[in-house]
Structure formats: C-alpha cells, structure tokens
Amino acid sequence: MFPGRHFFFGGIEHCVHQFINCRTTFVVYVLICVCGSFYVGKTKRSLMERVREHRNSIRTGN
C-alpha cells in the first residue's frame, strides 16, 4: 500500500501513512474472511511471516 491511500473498514476511514509491503515490520493489519468475520492484529515480525503463521494455523486447526 502506498502512503496517502484511504480506505474504509468498520465504518471508519483509515489512512496509510507509509509504504507497506510483505517485508514491512511493526504492522497493524486486518484479515477479512469471506463469511464476514475479521481479525485485527499487530506484529513486530514481517507481515509475510505473520500471514504465513495464520495460514498454517488455519490449515492445522490451531
């Protein structure tokens, strides 16, 4: 995502303040499920590493 980009989530407008990619660390993120549920998380590790952990948890049922 690029700085200055705005998006709405939960009826609230959010703005990206800096460039973010899969290697970015210290990120607050939102995972949205097709069922309408969502998860808000934060990580010190890279976003790619954290998303991989979420996928593994879903795959193994943990």
C-alpha atoms as a PDB file:
ATOM      1  CA  MET A   1       0.000   0.000   0.000  1.00  0.00           C
ATOM      2  CA  PHE A   2       1.121   3.477  -0.711  1.00  0.00           C
ATOM      3  CA  PRO A   3       1.153   6.488   1.620  1.00  0.00           C
ATOM      4  CA  GLY A   4      -1.928   8.657   1.479  1.00  0.00           C
ATOM      5  CA  ARG A   5      -4.238   5.829   0.414  1.00  0.00           C
ATOM      6  CA  HIS A   6      -7.544   5.903   2.262  1.00  0.00           C
ATOM      7  CA  PHE A   7      -9.935   3.013   2.836  1.00  0.00           C
ATOM      8  CA  PHE A   8     -12.982   2.314   4.988  1.00  0.00           C
ATOM      9  CA  PHE A   9     -13.289  -0.557   7.447  1.00  0.00           C
ATOM     10  CA  GLY A  10     -15.972  -0.904  10.086  1.00  0.00           C
ATOM     11  CA  GLY A  11     -17.461   2.419   9.036  1.00  0.00           C
ATOM     12  CA  ILE A  12     -14.216   4.229   9.870  1.00  0.00           C
ATOM     13  CA  GLU A  13     -11.872   5.855   7.374  1.00  0.00           C
ATOM     14  CA  HIS A  14      -8.237   4.753   7.685  1.00  0.00           C
ATOM     15  CA  CYS A  15      -5.174   6.232   6.019  1.00  0.00           C
ATOM     16  CA  VAL A  16      -1.876   4.528   5.180  1.00  0.00           C
ATOM     17  CA  HIS A  17       0.952   6.730   6.467  1.00  0.00           C
ATOM     18  CA  GLN A  18       3.930   4.928   4.938  1.00  0.00           C
ATOM     19  CA  PHE A  19       4.784   2.441   2.182  1.00  0.00           C
ATOM     20  CA  ILE A  20       3.882  -1.123   3.229  1.00  0.00           C
ATOM     21  CA  ASN A  21       4.817  -4.406   1.565  1.00  0.00           C
ATOM     22  CA  CYS A  22       5.131  -8.044   2.645  1.00  0.00           C
ATOM     23  CA  ARG A  23       8.527  -7.408   4.253  1.00  0.00           C
ATOM     24  CA  THR A  24       7.345  -4.467   6.372  1.00  0.00           C
ATOM     25  CA  THR A  25       7.696  -4.963  10.132  1.00  0.00           C
ATOM     26  CA  PHE A  26       5.765  -3.420  13.058  1.00  0.00           C
ATOM     27  CA  VAL A  27       2.416  -3.565  11.224  1.00  0.00           C
ATOM     28  CA  VAL A  28      -1.210  -3.358  12.326  1.00  0.00           C
ATOM     29  CA  TYR A  29      -3.286  -5.438   9.902  1.00  0.00           C
ATOM     30  CA  VAL A  30      -6.830  -6.692   9.245  1.00  0.00           C
ATOM     31  CA  LEU A  31      -7.667 -10.147   7.893  1.00  0.00           C
ATOM     32  CA  ILE A  32     -11.188 -10.333   6.477  1.00  0.00           C
ATOM     33  CA  CYS A  33     -12.958 -13.663   5.976  1.00  0.00           C
ATOM     34  CA  VAL A  34     -15.477 -14.352   3.207  1.00  0.00           C
ATOM     35  CA  CYS A  35     -18.026 -15.121   5.974  1.00  0.00           C
ATOM     36  CA  GLY A  36     -17.814 -11.507   7.174  1.00  0.00           C
ATOM     37  CA  SER A  37     -15.675 -12.158  10.256  1.00  0.00           C
ATOM     38  CA  PHE A  38     -12.432 -10.266  10.675  1.00  0.00           C
ATOM     39  CA  TYR A  39      -9.286 -10.296  12.779  1.00  0.00           C
ATOM     40  CA  VAL A  40      -7.213  -7.244  13.691  1.00  0.00           C
ATOM     41  CA  GLY A  41      -3.632  -7.985  14.671  1.00  0.00           C
ATOM     42  CA  LYS A  42      -0.250  -6.401  15.071  1.00  0.00           C
ATOM     43  CA  THR A  43       3.214  -7.827  14.643  1.00  0.00           C
ATOM     44  CA  LYS A  44       6.851  -6.907  15.105  1.00  0.00           C
ATOM     45  CA  ARG A  45       7.855  -9.511  12.510  1.00  0.00           C
ATOM     46  CA  SER A  46       7.402  -9.121   8.774  1.00  0.00           C
ATOM     47  CA  LEU A  47       3.827  -9.102   7.547  1.00  0.00           C
ATOM     48  CA  MET A  48       4.662 -12.041   5.245  1.00  0.00           C
ATOM     49  CA  GLU A  49       5.868 -14.152   8.191  1.00  0.00           C
ATOM     50  CA  ARG A  50       2.781 -13.381  10.275  1.00  0.00           C
ATOM     51  CA  VAL A  51       0.334 -14.132   7.454  1.00  0.00           C
ATOM     52  CA  ARG A  52       2.160 -17.440   6.884  1.00  0.00           C
ATOM     53  CA  GLU A  53       1.595 -18.281  10.564  1.00  0.00           C
ATOM     54  CA  HIS A  54      -2.120 -17.509  10.225  1.00  0.00           C
ATOM     55  CA  ARG A  55      -2.370 -19.773   7.165  1.00  0.00           C
ATOM     56  CA  ASN A  56      -0.617 -22.605   8.989  1.00  0.00           C
ATOM     57  CA  SER A  57      -2.945 -22.203  11.982  1.00  0.00           C
ATOM     58  CA  ILE A  58      -5.982 -22.413   9.715  1.00  0.00           C
ATOM     59  CA  ARG A  59      -4.565 -25.431   7.909  1.00  0.00           C
ATOM     60  CA  THR A  60      -3.801 -27.312  11.151  1.00  0.00           C
ATOM     61  CA  GLY A  61      -6.898 -26.141  13.018  1.00  0.00           C
ATOM     62  CA  ASN A  62      -4.989 -24.431  15.835  1.00  0.00           C
END
